[in-house]
Each structure stands twice: as structure tokens, then as C-alpha cells.
Amino acid sequence: MLSRTAQSLQERLLALSGANSTQFLTWIDALSRDDEAIYGLIELMGLEKEPRCAQYASHLMLHIARRVPRRVQPNYNLLLDHVLISKNISVQRNGLGALICMPLLDYRLSELLDWLLAILQQPKSTAGLVLYAVNKLAQFHQNYPDLRNELEQSIELRATLTGSKRDLDYFTQVLRGKKRIKG
């Protein structure tokens, strides 16, 4: 059952269907200051039967997390839950983009690592999802330097599967401290 805040946000998001992105993104400032709204958006990200609403909510969450990650962090566990279980590529990508803005937490850490590595092994993974996965894996490397060989092998496998060395080059630069992790 959705909270009242989530229900209200759902109605407002669905009413914006077809609106241009500028109108849609005007909410970010107000939502960024409202902890209940942040929680409500994360709730909406889990609506598998309303994929459009989940997508809109995840898009807003990505922008909010980039602006004020400290306001989103108390909801890290629920956000991660939705990212890991969602079949909606937009929710996965935007949710992962939001998670990049926050440090790694112990909650479902090994599941997150496995999921990120699986993204790299799927040749059909979208470019945005792969880029965010590489960035989150770089955070893993910062916290767990012993993972370096496994991470490099996974990135090399991705480059082999796709015929593109871009991800490998980017990840290598992040590991060497020549590039900052994107969020």
C-alpha cells in the first residue's frame, strides 16, 4: 500500500504525461526539500504495474540525489531494493545513477556487486546502465581494493562482448585516479 504522499505524487506524475521535460523537472527544487516526497518517489519506483509512473519517479530521484544525496541516503535500502528487483530499465538506470551519489552501505552489498557484474556480462545492457555500473564498481574498488583484478576482468569481458574498449579505458582511468567517478 502506497503512502498518501506517494499516491498524491502518482496522480501528479501521471497528469504530467506528455509534458516536456522542463515542466517535469521544475518539481525538483520543491521535492528536494521534502523528505516525505523523496520517500514517496522511491515508493513509486517500485510500481511494476505502472511503469510510466515508476520511470518518472526514478528520473526525478536521479536529479534529487545529484543535488542533495544526504536527503536521499536515509532511504538507501528501499532505493537499492527497487533497483535490484525492477525489470524497468529506466528505474534500474536512474536508480543506479542515484545510488552513485551516495557511498556504499553494507545493505545487500554482495547482491549489488553481483548485479553490477551481471550488467557487464549482458551484451544488450544499455550504454547508460553500463556507464553507471562502471562508476558504482569504481566505488567498490575504492572501498575494496582487493577486487581490482575481478573488476578489471569483468570490464575486459564487457569490452570483448561489445567490441568497445571505451568502458575499459574509462574504468582504468578511474582506478588510476585520472578520472573522477561520475554521479
C-alpha atoms as a PDB file:
ATOM      1  CA  MET A   1       0.000   0.000   0.000  1.00  0.00           C
ATOM      2  CA  LEU A   2       1.393   3.359  -1.019  1.00  0.00           C
ATOM      3  CA  SER A   3       1.671   6.204   1.449  1.00  0.00           C
ATOM      4  CA  ARG A   4      -0.625   9.194   0.937  1.00  0.00           C
ATOM      5  CA  THR A   5       2.329  11.217  -0.262  1.00  0.00           C
ATOM      6  CA  ALA A   6       3.170   8.579  -2.869  1.00  0.00           C
ATOM      7  CA  GLN A   7      -0.464   8.425  -4.004  1.00  0.00           C
ATOM      8  CA  SER A   8      -0.561  12.189  -4.407  1.00  0.00           C
ATOM      9  CA  LEU A   9       2.730  12.186  -6.304  1.00  0.00           C
ATOM     10  CA  GLN A  10       1.470   9.378  -8.526  1.00  0.00           C
ATOM     11  CA  GLU A  11      -1.565  11.410  -9.536  1.00  0.00           C
ATOM     12  CA  ARG A  12       0.587  14.466 -10.260  1.00  0.00           C
ATOM     13  CA  LEU A  13       3.145  12.476 -12.260  1.00  0.00           C
ATOM     14  CA  LEU A  14       0.548  10.754 -14.385  1.00  0.00           C
ATOM     15  CA  ALA A  15      -1.161  14.098 -15.020  1.00  0.00           C
ATOM     16  CA  LEU A  16       2.120  15.320 -16.500  1.00  0.00           C
ATOM     17  CA  SER A  17       2.119  12.574 -19.098  1.00  0.00           C
ATOM     18  CA  GLY A  18       3.337  14.092 -22.324  1.00  0.00           C
ATOM     19  CA  ALA A  19       4.624  17.246 -20.627  1.00  0.00           C
ATOM     20  CA  ASN A  20       8.005  18.489 -21.703  1.00  0.00           C
ATOM     21  CA  SER A  21      10.983  17.688 -19.528  1.00  0.00           C
ATOM     22  CA  THR A  22      11.417  21.319 -18.444  1.00  0.00           C
ATOM     23  CA  GLN A  23       7.977  21.317 -16.842  1.00  0.00           C
ATOM     24  CA  PHE A  24       8.620  17.918 -15.324  1.00  0.00           C
ATOM     25  CA  LEU A  25      11.937  18.966 -13.800  1.00  0.00           C
ATOM     26  CA  THR A  26      10.564  22.153 -12.228  1.00  0.00           C
ATOM     27  CA  TRP A  27       9.469  19.990  -9.309  1.00  0.00           C
ATOM     28  CA  ILE A  28      12.991  19.090  -8.314  1.00  0.00           C
ATOM     29  CA  ASP A  29      13.636  22.091  -6.072  1.00  0.00           C
ATOM     30  CA  ALA A  30      10.466  21.587  -4.043  1.00  0.00           C
ATOM     31  CA  LEU A  31      10.807  17.813  -3.884  1.00  0.00           C
ATOM     32  CA  SER A  32      14.460  18.089  -2.827  1.00  0.00           C
ATOM     33  CA  ARG A  33      13.389  19.790   0.386  1.00  0.00           C
ATOM     34  CA  ASP A  34      10.606  17.361   1.271  1.00  0.00           C
ATOM     35  CA  ASP A  35      11.701  14.113   2.963  1.00  0.00           C
ATOM     36  CA  GLU A  36       8.214  12.593   2.638  1.00  0.00           C
ATOM     37  CA  ALA A  37       8.178  13.345  -1.080  1.00  0.00           C
ATOM     38  CA  ILE A  38      11.603  11.755  -1.513  1.00  0.00           C
ATOM     39  CA  TYR A  39      10.352   8.619   0.220  1.00  0.00           C
ATOM     40  CA  GLY A  40       7.171   8.729  -1.865  1.00  0.00           C
ATOM     41  CA  LEU A  41       9.130   8.906  -5.111  1.00  0.00           C
ATOM     42  CA  ILE A  42      11.175   5.905  -4.075  1.00  0.00           C
ATOM     43  CA  GLU A  43       7.947   4.044  -3.283  1.00  0.00           C
ATOM     44  CA  LEU A  44       6.676   4.859  -6.774  1.00  0.00           C
ATOM     45  CA  MET A  45       9.837   3.461  -8.327  1.00  0.00           C
ATOM     46  CA  GLY A  46       8.606   0.050  -7.215  1.00  0.00           C
ATOM     47  CA  LEU A  47       5.332   0.204  -9.153  1.00  0.00           C
ATOM     48  CA  GLU A  48       5.774  -2.581 -11.669  1.00  0.00           C
ATOM     49  CA  LYS A  49       2.144  -2.246 -12.823  1.00  0.00           C
ATOM     50  CA  GLU A  50       2.645   1.472 -13.529  1.00  0.00           C
ATOM     51  CA  PRO A  51       5.937   1.524 -15.453  1.00  0.00           C
ATOM     52  CA  ARG A  52       5.497   5.090 -16.709  1.00  0.00           C
ATOM     53  CA  CYS A  53       4.990   6.396 -13.180  1.00  0.00           C
ATOM     54  CA  ALA A  54       7.956   4.384 -11.908  1.00  0.00           C
ATOM     55  CA  GLN A  55      10.078   5.789 -14.719  1.00  0.00           C
ATOM     56  CA  TYR A  56       9.087   9.394 -13.967  1.00  0.00           C
ATOM     57  CA  ALA A  57       9.706   8.896 -10.250  1.00  0.00           C
ATOM     58  CA  SER A  58      13.151   7.414 -10.913  1.00  0.00           C
ATOM     59  CA  HIS A  59      14.042  10.309 -13.214  1.00  0.00           C
ATOM     60  CA  LEU A  60      13.159  12.806 -10.521  1.00  0.00           C
ATOM     61  CA  MET A  61      15.021  10.740  -7.913  1.00  0.00           C
ATOM     62  CA  LEU A  62      18.184  10.796 -10.013  1.00  0.00           C
ATOM     63  CA  HIS A  63      18.131  14.603 -10.154  1.00  0.00           C
ATOM     64  CA  ILE A  64      17.320  14.917  -6.448  1.00  0.00           C
ATOM     65  CA  ALA A  65      20.131  12.537  -5.474  1.00  0.00           C
ATOM     66  CA  ARG A  66      22.576  14.554  -7.564  1.00  0.00           C
ATOM     67  CA  ARG A  67      21.538  17.745  -5.764  1.00  0.00           C
ATOM     68  CA  VAL A  68      21.071  16.541  -2.207  1.00  0.00           C
ATOM     69  CA  PRO A  69      22.329  12.985  -1.711  1.00  0.00           C
ATOM     70  CA  ARG A  70      22.227  13.417   2.073  1.00  0.00           C
ATOM     71  CA  ARG A  71      18.420  13.778   1.871  1.00  0.00           C
ATOM     72  CA  VAL A  72      18.089  10.580  -0.153  1.00  0.00           C
ATOM     73  CA  GLN A  73      20.564   8.492   1.840  1.00  0.00           C
ATOM     74  CA  PRO A  74      18.152   7.623   4.709  1.00  0.00           C
ATOM     75  CA  ASN A  75      16.127   5.757   2.058  1.00  0.00           C
ATOM     76  CA  TYR A  76      19.144   3.973   0.546  1.00  0.00           C
ATOM     77  CA  ASN A  77      17.870   0.495   1.431  1.00  0.00           C
ATOM     78  CA  LEU A  78      14.478   0.938  -0.234  1.00  0.00           C
ATOM     79  CA  LEU A  79      16.071   2.598  -3.260  1.00  0.00           C
ATOM     80  CA  LEU A  80      18.507  -0.286  -3.644  1.00  0.00           C
ATOM     81  CA  ASP A  81      15.686  -2.816  -3.227  1.00  0.00           C
ATOM     82  CA  HIS A  82      13.807  -1.264  -6.146  1.00  0.00           C
ATOM     83  CA  VAL A  83      16.894  -1.074  -8.333  1.00  0.00           C
ATOM     84  CA  LEU A  84      17.747  -4.718  -7.765  1.00  0.00           C
ATOM     85  CA  ILE A  85      14.257  -6.130  -8.338  1.00  0.00           C
ATOM     86  CA  SER A  86      12.939  -3.838 -11.057  1.00  0.00           C
ATOM     87  CA  LYS A  87      12.593  -5.077 -14.623  1.00  0.00           C
ATOM     88  CA  ASN A  88      12.155  -1.474 -15.795  1.00  0.00           C
ATOM     89  CA  ILE A  89      15.412  -0.367 -17.448  1.00  0.00           C
ATOM     90  CA  SER A  90      14.707   3.302 -16.669  1.00  0.00           C
ATOM     91  CA  VAL A  91      14.212   2.541 -12.980  1.00  0.00           C
ATOM     92  CA  GLN A  92      17.397   0.476 -12.953  1.00  0.00           C
ATOM     93  CA  ARG A  93      19.455   3.148 -14.730  1.00  0.00           C
ATOM     94  CA  ASN A  94      18.090   6.177 -12.877  1.00  0.00           C
ATOM     95  CA  GLY A  95      18.099   4.379  -9.533  1.00  0.00           C
ATOM     96  CA  LEU A  96      21.682   3.276 -10.028  1.00  0.00           C
ATOM     97  CA  GLY A  97      22.573   6.837 -11.013  1.00  0.00           C
ATOM     98  CA  ALA A  98      21.078   7.981  -7.700  1.00  0.00           C
ATOM     99  CA  LEU A  99      22.987   5.301  -5.786  1.00  0.00           C
ATOM    100  CA  ILE A 100      26.261   6.527  -7.312  1.00  0.00           C
ATOM    101  CA  CYS A 101      25.747   9.809  -5.484  1.00  0.00           C
ATOM    102  CA  MET A 102      25.937   8.001  -2.143  1.00  0.00           C
ATOM    103  CA  PRO A 103      28.640   5.893  -0.534  1.00  0.00           C
ATOM    104  CA  LEU A 104      28.357   2.127  -0.428  1.00  0.00           C
ATOM    105  CA  LEU A 105      26.480   0.760   2.552  1.00  0.00           C
ATOM    106  CA  ASP A 106      26.566  -2.774   3.894  1.00  0.00           C
ATOM    107  CA  TYR A 107      22.934  -3.414   2.983  1.00  0.00           C
ATOM    108  CA  ARG A 108      22.719  -6.066   0.202  1.00  0.00           C
ATOM    109  CA  LEU A 109      26.289  -5.229  -0.745  1.00  0.00           C
ATOM    110  CA  SER A 110      27.192  -8.579  -2.287  1.00  0.00           C
ATOM    111  CA  GLU A 111      23.907  -8.650  -4.234  1.00  0.00           C
ATOM    112  CA  LEU A 112      24.648  -5.207  -5.605  1.00  0.00           C
ATOM    113  CA  LEU A 113      28.135  -6.269  -6.669  1.00  0.00           C
ATOM    114  CA  ASP A 114      26.782  -9.403  -8.376  1.00  0.00           C
ATOM    115  CA  TRP A 115      24.088  -7.363 -10.151  1.00  0.00           C
ATOM    116  CA  LEU A 116      26.612  -4.803 -11.393  1.00  0.00           C
ATOM    117  CA  LEU A 117      28.900  -7.513 -12.714  1.00  0.00           C
ATOM    118  CA  ALA A 118      25.921  -9.197 -14.422  1.00  0.00           C
ATOM    119  CA  ILE A 119      25.149  -5.932 -16.233  1.00  0.00           C
ATOM    120  CA  LEU A 120      28.610  -6.028 -17.745  1.00  0.00           C
ATOM    121  CA  GLN A 121      28.152  -9.634 -18.867  1.00  0.00           C
ATOM    122  CA  GLN A 122      24.946  -8.879 -20.766  1.00  0.00           C
ATOM    123  CA  PRO A 123      25.795  -7.657 -24.271  1.00  0.00           C
ATOM    124  CA  LYS A 124      22.389  -5.964 -24.585  1.00  0.00           C
ATOM    125  CA  SER A 125      22.807  -3.788 -21.466  1.00  0.00           C
ATOM    126  CA  THR A 126      22.203  -0.155 -22.375  1.00  0.00           C
ATOM    127  CA  ALA A 127      25.122   2.247 -22.528  1.00  0.00           C
ATOM    128  CA  GLY A 128      23.765   4.374 -19.670  1.00  0.00           C
ATOM    129  CA  LEU A 129      23.307   1.403 -17.380  1.00  0.00           C
ATOM    130  CA  VAL A 130      26.817   0.163 -18.179  1.00  0.00           C
ATOM    131  CA  LEU A 131      28.342   3.591 -17.500  1.00  0.00           C
ATOM    132  CA  TYR A 132      26.600   3.819 -14.129  1.00  0.00           C
ATOM    133  CA  ALA A 133      27.590   0.229 -13.326  1.00  0.00           C
ATOM    134  CA  VAL A 134      31.230   1.037 -14.064  1.00  0.00           C
ATOM    135  CA  ASN A 135      31.011   4.069 -11.787  1.00  0.00           C
ATOM    136  CA  LYS A 136      29.486   2.085  -8.939  1.00  0.00           C
ATOM    137  CA  LEU A 137      32.106  -0.627  -9.430  1.00  0.00           C
ATOM    138  CA  ALA A 138      34.761   2.077  -9.098  1.00  0.00           C
ATOM    139  CA  GLN A 139      33.258   2.866  -5.685  1.00  0.00           C
ATOM    140  CA  PHE A 140      33.600  -0.806  -4.800  1.00  0.00           C
ATOM    141  CA  HIS A 141      37.239  -0.660  -5.840  1.00  0.00           C
ATOM    142  CA  GLN A 142      37.822   2.382  -3.628  1.00  0.00           C
ATOM    143  CA  ASN A 143      36.391   0.538  -0.633  1.00  0.00           C
ATOM    144  CA  TYR A 144      37.718  -2.912  -1.522  1.00  0.00           C
ATOM    145  CA  PRO A 145      40.987  -2.594  -3.491  1.00  0.00           C
ATOM    146  CA  ASP A 146      41.377  -6.390  -3.460  1.00  0.00           C
ATOM    147  CA  LEU A 147      38.549  -6.555  -6.022  1.00  0.00           C
ATOM    148  CA  ARG A 148      40.672  -4.844  -8.659  1.00  0.00           C
ATOM    149  CA  ASN A 149      41.556  -7.965 -10.678  1.00  0.00           C
ATOM    150  CA  GLU A 150      37.977  -9.254 -10.703  1.00  0.00           C
ATOM    151  CA  LEU A 151      36.646  -5.845 -11.720  1.00  0.00           C
ATOM    152  CA  GLU A 152      39.222  -5.418 -14.470  1.00  0.00           C
ATOM    153  CA  GLN A 153      38.422  -8.893 -15.822  1.00  0.00           C
ATOM    154  CA  SER A 154      34.720  -8.058 -15.890  1.00  0.00           C
ATOM    155  CA  ILE A 155      35.359  -4.814 -17.739  1.00  0.00           C
ATOM    156  CA  GLU A 156      37.656  -6.616 -20.197  1.00  0.00           C
ATOM    157  CA  LEU A 157      34.929  -9.211 -20.779  1.00  0.00           C
ATOM    158  CA  ARG A 158      32.469  -6.388 -21.473  1.00  0.00           C
ATOM    159  CA  ALA A 159      34.870  -4.844 -23.965  1.00  0.00           C
ATOM    160  CA  THR A 160      35.234  -8.227 -25.675  1.00  0.00           C
ATOM    161  CA  LEU A 161      31.465  -8.809 -25.799  1.00  0.00           C
ATOM    162  CA  THR A 162      30.726  -5.400 -27.299  1.00  0.00           C
ATOM    163  CA  GLY A 163      33.890  -4.819 -29.286  1.00  0.00           C
ATOM    164  CA  SER A 164      34.283  -1.482 -27.473  1.00  0.00           C
ATOM    165  CA  LYS A 165      37.259  -0.530 -25.356  1.00  0.00           C
ATOM    166  CA  ARG A 166      35.592   2.692 -24.107  1.00  0.00           C
ATOM    167  CA  ASP A 167      34.350   1.165 -20.828  1.00  0.00           C
ATOM    168  CA  LEU A 168      37.685  -0.485 -20.177  1.00  0.00           C
ATOM    169  CA  ASP A 169      39.604   2.750 -20.824  1.00  0.00           C
ATOM    170  CA  TYR A 170      37.234   4.773 -18.633  1.00  0.00           C
ATOM    171  CA  PHE A 171      37.344   2.281 -15.761  1.00  0.00           C
ATOM    172  CA  THR A 172      41.120   2.051 -15.923  1.00  0.00           C
ATOM    173  CA  GLN A 173      41.360   5.843 -15.711  1.00  0.00           C
ATOM    174  CA  VAL A 174      39.039   5.878 -12.687  1.00  0.00           C
ATOM    175  CA  LEU A 175      41.089   3.166 -10.953  1.00  0.00           C
ATOM    176  CA  ARG A 176      44.286   5.118 -11.545  1.00  0.00           C
ATOM    177  CA  GLY A 177      42.736   8.318 -10.192  1.00  0.00           C
ATOM    178  CA  LYS A 178      42.881  10.133 -13.548  1.00  0.00           C
ATOM    179  CA  LYS A 179      39.089  10.463 -13.773  1.00  0.00           C
ATOM    180  CA  ARG A 180      36.558  11.303 -11.138  1.00  0.00           C
ATOM    181  CA  ILE A 181      33.623   8.989 -10.606  1.00  0.00           C
ATOM    182  CA  LYS A 182      30.586  10.426 -12.378  1.00  0.00           C
ATOM    183  CA  GLY A 183      27.379  10.742 -10.443  1.00  0.00           C
END
